[in-house]
C-alpha atoms as a PDB file:
ATOM      1  CA  MET A   1     191.332  -6.414 127.631  1.00  0.00           C
ATOM      2  CA  ILE A   2     188.826  -4.490 129.629  1.00  0.00           C
ATOM      3  CA  ALA A   3     188.361  -6.024 132.986  1.00  0.00           C
ATOM      4  CA  ILE A   4     185.296  -5.279 135.183  1.00  0.00           C
ATOM      5  CA  TYR A   5     185.531  -5.919 138.751  1.00  0.00           C
ATOM      6  CA  MET A   6     182.335  -6.947 141.526  1.00  0.00           C
ATOM      7  CA  ARG A   7     182.284  -8.013 145.448  1.00  0.00           C
ATOM      8  CA  VAL A   8     179.260  -8.985 146.550  1.00  0.00           C
ATOM      9  CA  SER A   9     179.539  -9.462 150.098  1.00  0.00           C
ATOM     10  CA  THR A  10     176.111  -9.981 151.056  1.00  0.00           C
ATOM     11  CA  ASP A  11     172.813 -11.819 149.781  1.00  0.00           C
ATOM     12  CA  LYS A  12     171.168  -8.737 150.303  1.00  0.00           C
ATOM     13  CA  GLN A  13     173.112  -6.912 147.825  1.00  0.00           C
ATOM     14  CA  ASP A  14     171.499  -6.213 144.523  1.00  0.00           C
ATOM     15  CA  GLU A  15     173.694  -8.142 142.187  1.00  0.00           C
ATOM     16  CA  ILE A  16     171.285  -7.590 139.075  1.00  0.00           C
ATOM     17  CA  SER A  17     171.659  -4.287 139.289  1.00  0.00           C
ATOM     18  CA  GLN A  18     175.532  -4.131 139.208  1.00  0.00           C
ATOM     19  CA  VAL A  19     175.869  -6.607 136.759  1.00  0.00           C
ATOM     20  CA  ASP A  20     173.435  -4.503 134.335  1.00  0.00           C
ATOM     21  CA  LYS A  21     174.817  -1.324 134.768  1.00  0.00           C
ATOM     22  CA  LEU A  22     178.463  -2.878 134.358  1.00  0.00           C
ATOM     23  CA  THR A  23     177.427  -4.766 131.012  1.00  0.00           C
ATOM     24  CA  ASP A  24     175.479  -1.533 130.025  1.00  0.00           C
ATOM     25  CA  ALA A  25     178.816   0.641 130.686  1.00  0.00           C
ATOM     26  CA  THR A  26     181.441  -2.080 128.830  1.00  0.00           C
ATOM     27  CA  LYS A  27     178.668  -3.284 125.933  1.00  0.00           C
ATOM     28  CA  ASP A  28     180.918  -1.080 122.756  1.00  0.00           C
ATOM     29  CA  PHE A  29     183.946  -3.195 123.958  1.00  0.00           C
ATOM     30  CA  ASP A  30     185.027  -6.548 122.426  1.00  0.00           C
ATOM     31  CA  ASN A  31     187.346  -7.848 124.734  1.00  0.00           C
ATOM     32  CA  VAL A  32     185.333  -8.227 128.624  1.00  0.00           C
ATOM     33  CA  LYS A  33     186.783 -10.403 131.361  1.00  0.00           C
ATOM     34  CA  TRP A  34     184.641  -9.983 134.838  1.00  0.00           C
ATOM     35  CA  TYR A  35     186.531 -10.843 137.962  1.00  0.00           C
ATOM     36  CA  VAL A  36     183.866 -11.931 140.739  1.00  0.00           C
ATOM     37  CA  ASP A  37     183.899 -11.985 144.405  1.00  0.00           C
ATOM     38  CA  HIS A  38     180.900 -13.523 146.207  1.00  0.00           C
ATOM     39  CA  GLY A  39     180.361 -13.383 150.027  1.00  0.00           C
ATOM     40  CA  ILE A  40     183.846 -11.408 151.048  1.00  0.00           C
ATOM     41  CA  THR A  41     184.468  -8.488 152.870  1.00  0.00           C
ATOM     42  CA  GLY A  42     186.335  -5.689 151.329  1.00  0.00           C
ATOM     43  CA  THR A  43     188.095  -4.423 154.524  1.00  0.00           C
ATOM     44  CA  LYS A  44     190.721  -7.217 154.718  1.00  0.00           C
ATOM     45  CA  ASN A  45     193.716  -7.585 152.809  1.00  0.00           C
ATOM     46  CA  THR A  46     192.747  -8.861 149.533  1.00  0.00           C
ATOM     47  CA  TYR A  47     195.255 -11.035 148.164  1.00  0.00           C
ATOM     48  CA  THR A  48     194.602 -13.887 150.744  1.00  0.00           C
ATOM     49  CA  ASN A  49     191.155 -13.778 150.820  1.00  0.00           C
ATOM     50  CA  ARG A  50     189.672 -12.262 147.412  1.00  0.00           C
ATOM     51  CA  GLU A  51     190.983 -14.542 144.921  1.00  0.00           C
ATOM     52  CA  GLN A  52     189.497 -12.814 141.898  1.00  0.00           C
ATOM     53  CA  TYR A  53     190.940  -9.349 142.910  1.00  0.00           C
ATOM     54  CA  SER A  54     194.344 -11.160 143.214  1.00  0.00           C
ATOM     55  CA  ASN A  55     193.752 -12.356 139.748  1.00  0.00           C
ATOM     56  CA  LEU A  56     192.855  -8.768 138.312  1.00  0.00           C
ATOM     57  CA  ILE A  57     196.012  -7.348 140.110  1.00  0.00           C
ATOM     58  CA  ASN A  58     198.307 -10.072 138.804  1.00  0.00           C
ATOM     59  CA  ASP A  59     196.238  -9.426 135.353  1.00  0.00           C
ATOM     60  CA  SER A  60     197.105  -5.955 135.457  1.00  0.00           C
ATOM     61  CA  ARG A  61     200.907  -6.772 136.422  1.00  0.00           C
ATOM     62  CA  HIS A  62     201.136  -8.509 133.239  1.00  0.00           C
ATOM     63  CA  GLY A  63     199.807  -6.301 130.854  1.00  0.00           C
ATOM     64  CA  LYS A  64     196.425  -7.779 129.849  1.00  0.00           C
ATOM     65  CA  ILE A  65     194.200  -5.102 130.764  1.00  0.00           C
ATOM     66  CA  LYS A  66     193.767  -1.964 129.555  1.00  0.00           C
ATOM     67  CA  HIS A  67     191.085  -0.692 131.524  1.00  0.00           C
ATOM     68  CA  ILE A  68     189.351  -1.602 135.184  1.00  0.00           C
ATOM     69  CA  TYR A  69     185.159  -0.866 135.639  1.00  0.00           C
ATOM     70  CA  CYS A  70     183.751  -1.393 139.002  1.00  0.00           C
ATOM     71  CA  PHE A  71     180.016  -0.276 140.449  1.00  0.00           C
ATOM     72  CA  ASP A  72     181.208   1.830 142.766  1.00  0.00           C
ATOM     73  CA  TRP A  73     184.919   2.273 145.465  1.00  0.00           C
ATOM     74  CA  SER A  74     183.163   0.376 148.237  1.00  0.00           C
ATOM     75  CA  ARG A  75     182.801  -2.587 145.673  1.00  0.00           C
ATOM     76  CA  MET A  76     186.298  -2.555 145.375  1.00  0.00           C
ATOM     77  CA  TRP A  77     187.916  -1.306 148.345  1.00  0.00           C
ATOM     78  CA  ARG A  78     186.710  -0.673 151.902  1.00  0.00           C
ATOM     79  CA  ASN A  79     190.477  -0.807 153.202  1.00  0.00           C
ATOM     80  CA  MET A  80     192.178   2.697 152.604  1.00  0.00           C
ATOM     81  CA  VAL A  81     195.784   1.035 152.974  1.00  0.00           C
ATOM     82  CA  GLU A  82     194.885  -1.536 150.280  1.00  0.00           C
ATOM     83  CA  GLN A  83     192.997   1.284 147.811  1.00  0.00           C
ATOM     84  CA  THR A  84     195.849   3.216 147.928  1.00  0.00           C
ATOM     85  CA  ARG A  85     198.644   0.563 147.461  1.00  0.00           C
ATOM     86  CA  ALA A  86     196.473  -0.424 144.308  1.00  0.00           C
ATOM     87  CA  ILE A  87     195.625   2.947 142.922  1.00  0.00           C
ATOM     88  CA  ASP A  88     199.087   3.968 142.596  1.00  0.00           C
ATOM     89  CA  GLU A  89     199.619   0.674 141.178  1.00  0.00           C
ATOM     90  CA  PHE A  90     197.087   1.021 138.485  1.00  0.00           C
ATOM     91  CA  ILE A  91     198.552   4.773 137.786  1.00  0.00           C
ATOM     92  CA  ARG A  92     201.639   3.487 137.325  1.00  0.00           C
ATOM     93  CA  LEU A  93     200.657   0.692 135.134  1.00  0.00           C
ATOM     94  CA  GLY A  94     198.948   3.375 133.284  1.00  0.00           C
ATOM     95  CA  ILE A  95     195.364   1.265 133.536  1.00  0.00           C
ATOM     96  CA  PRO A  96     192.427   3.655 133.998  1.00  0.00           C
ATOM     97  CA  VAL A  97     189.955   2.796 136.786  1.00  0.00           C
ATOM     98  CA  THR A  98     186.444   3.775 136.512  1.00  0.00           C
ATOM     99  CA  SER A  99     183.390   3.811 139.185  1.00  0.00           C
ATOM    100  CA  LEU A 100     180.210   4.091 137.588  1.00  0.00           C
ATOM    101  CA  MET A 101     178.622   5.707 140.958  1.00  0.00           C
ATOM    102  CA  GLU A 102     182.093   7.979 141.575  1.00  0.00           C
ATOM    103  CA  ASP A 103     184.885   8.820 138.825  1.00  0.00           C
ATOM    104  CA  THR A 104     187.691   7.502 137.059  1.00  0.00           C
ATOM    105  CA  VAL A 105     190.812   7.707 138.250  1.00  0.00           C
ATOM    106  CA  THR A 106     193.807   7.989 135.375  1.00  0.00           C
ATOM    107  CA  SER A 107     196.394  10.099 137.485  1.00  0.00           C
ATOM    108  CA  GLU A 108     197.343  11.442 140.787  1.00  0.00           C
ATOM    109  CA  ASP A 109     195.139  14.568 139.913  1.00  0.00           C
ATOM    110  CA  ASP A 110     191.732  12.448 140.589  1.00  0.00           C
ATOM    111  CA  LEU A 111     192.729  11.197 143.540  1.00  0.00           C
ATOM    112  CA  PHE A 112     191.366  13.770 145.985  1.00  0.00           C
ATOM    113  CA  MET A 113     187.736  12.783 145.801  1.00  0.00           C
ATOM    114  CA  MET A 114     188.495   8.660 145.689  1.00  0.00           C
ATOM    115  CA  HIS A 115     190.132   9.470 148.600  1.00  0.00           C
ATOM    116  CA  ILE A 116     187.272  10.808 150.234  1.00  0.00           C
ATOM    117  CA  HIS A 117     184.925   8.126 149.247  1.00  0.00           C
ATOM    118  CA  GLY A 118     187.226   5.645 150.345  1.00  0.00           C
ATOM    119  CA  ALA A 119     187.924   6.867 153.670  1.00  0.00           C
ATOM    120  CA  VAL A 120     183.587   7.107 154.211  1.00  0.00           C
ATOM    121  CA  ASN A 121     183.595   3.247 152.584  1.00  0.00           C
ATOM    122  CA  GLU A 122     185.865   2.518 155.362  1.00  0.00           C
ATOM    123  CA  GLN A 123     184.277   4.333 158.411  1.00  0.00           C
ATOM    124  CA  GLU A 124     180.875   2.784 157.097  1.00  0.00           C
ATOM    125  CA  ALA A 125     182.596  -0.590 157.081  1.00  0.00           C
ATOM    126  CA  ARG A 126     183.568  -0.444 160.781  1.00  0.00           C
ATOM    127  CA  LYS A 127     179.884   1.040 161.620  1.00  0.00           C
ATOM    128  CA  THR A 128     178.679  -2.046 159.420  1.00  0.00           C
ATOM    129  CA  ARG A 129     180.816  -4.325 161.784  1.00  0.00           C
ATOM    130  CA  ILE A 130     180.039  -2.821 164.713  1.00  0.00           C
ATOM    131  CA  LYS A 131     175.791  -2.553 164.284  1.00  0.00           C
ATOM    132  CA  SER A 132     176.206  -6.644 162.943  1.00  0.00           C
ATOM    133  CA  LYS A 133     178.084  -7.702 166.387  1.00  0.00           C
ATOM    134  CA  ASP A 134     175.906  -5.647 168.730  1.00  0.00           C
ATOM    135  CA  GLY A 135     172.678  -7.767 166.834  1.00  0.00           C
ATOM    136  CA  ILE A 136     174.417 -11.002 167.218  1.00  0.00           C
ATOM    137  CA  LYS A 137     174.997 -10.143 170.951  1.00  0.00           C
ATOM    138  CA  ALA A 138     171.277  -8.992 171.123  1.00  0.00           C
ATOM    139  CA  LYS A 139     170.413 -11.666 169.503  1.00  0.00           C
ATOM    140  CA  HIS A 140     171.977 -14.102 171.789  1.00  0.00           C
ATOM    141  CA  LYS A 141     170.890 -12.184 174.850  1.00  0.00           C
ATOM    142  CA  GLN A 142     166.865 -12.806 173.577  1.00  0.00           C
ATOM    143  CA  VAL A 143     167.777 -16.376 172.852  1.00  0.00           C
ATOM    144  CA  ALA A 144     168.456 -17.143 175.897  1.00  0.00           C
ATOM    145  CA  GLU A 145     165.985 -15.207 177.796  1.00  0.00           C
ATOM    146  CA  ALA A 146     163.562 -17.215 175.551  1.00  0.00           C
ATOM    147  CA  MET A 147     165.034 -20.300 176.504  1.00  0.00           C
ATOM    148  CA  ASN A 148     165.025 -19.881 180.106  1.00  0.00           C
ATOM    149  CA  LYS A 149     161.217 -18.675 179.970  1.00  0.00           C
ATOM    150  CA  ALA A 150     160.570 -21.722 177.984  1.00  0.00           C
ATOM    151  CA  LEU A 151     162.869 -23.883 180.585  1.00  0.00           C
ATOM    152  CA  GLY A 152     161.057 -22.713 183.567  1.00  0.00           C
ATOM    153  CA  GLU A 153     162.533 -22.258 187.041  1.00  0.00           C
ATOM    154  CA  GLY A 154     165.243 -23.657 188.318  1.00  0.00           C
ATOM    155  CA  LYS A 155     167.022 -24.063 185.017  1.00  0.00           C
ATOM    156  CA  GLN A 156     168.959 -21.604 183.085  1.00  0.00           C
ATOM    157  CA  TYR A 157     170.137 -21.570 179.233  1.00  0.00           C
ATOM    158  CA  ASP A 158     174.081 -21.836 180.353  1.00  0.00           C
ATOM    159  CA  ASP A 159     172.650 -25.320 182.193  1.00  0.00           C
ATOM    160  CA  ILE A 160     171.945 -26.365 178.750  1.00  0.00           C
ATOM    161  CA  PRO A 161     174.655 -29.209 177.549  1.00  0.00           C
ATOM    162  CA  LYS A 162     176.778 -27.721 174.941  1.00  0.00           C
ATOM    163  CA  GLU A 163     175.156 -30.181 172.391  1.00  0.00           C
ATOM    164  CA  ASN A 164     171.993 -28.700 172.625  1.00  0.00           C
ATOM    165  CA  ARG A 165     172.939 -25.416 172.291  1.00  0.00           C
ATOM    166  CA  TRP A 166     172.845 -23.023 169.532  1.00  0.00           C
ATOM    167  CA  ASN A 167     176.019 -21.622 168.115  1.00  0.00           C
ATOM    168  CA  ASN A 168     176.782 -18.256 166.461  1.00  0.00           C
ATOM    169  CA  ARG A 169     175.219 -19.373 163.152  1.00  0.00           C
ATOM    170  CA  TRP A 170     171.972 -20.348 165.005  1.00  0.00           C
ATOM    171  CA  GLU A 171     172.470 -24.110 164.315  1.00  0.00           C
ATOM    172  CA  ILE A 172     172.247 -26.597 166.679  1.00  0.00           C
ATOM    173  CA  GLU A 173     176.126 -27.418 167.839  1.00  0.00           C
END
């Protein structure tokens, strides 16, 4: 069986483009199975939070998979420890892993560029996490300032009962 793995961590990512390119790359194969994780980060250990990735690993261990395709390495991994562990296992099992945007890994000789991409992907994930946290803090500050202005003198946003405040998801608690 040919395996296709997709991880889409946000609604902003162009899932249709990935599907089209992965479908085109595997169109000549008869037995293709899709493993798709939605709304999940690639930075954490995968066995507990990426169900389809875990299924992919288990099917590989049981000899069901002959080749794995992904759109790019960052869709599979944003964690170097997991990337190294998994790719070592795929090499040991004799399963090639192809990234449409990078290359195919079949042996340890192919790992150099993959590890460079992995390091870059992990750093990008860190930067994205920091930007997201900073953006949320800035948005909270904006809301608090707007609320304080709207409330007028003598009453601050912090004085509003908790049940009437916005939570981190911008919904009334």
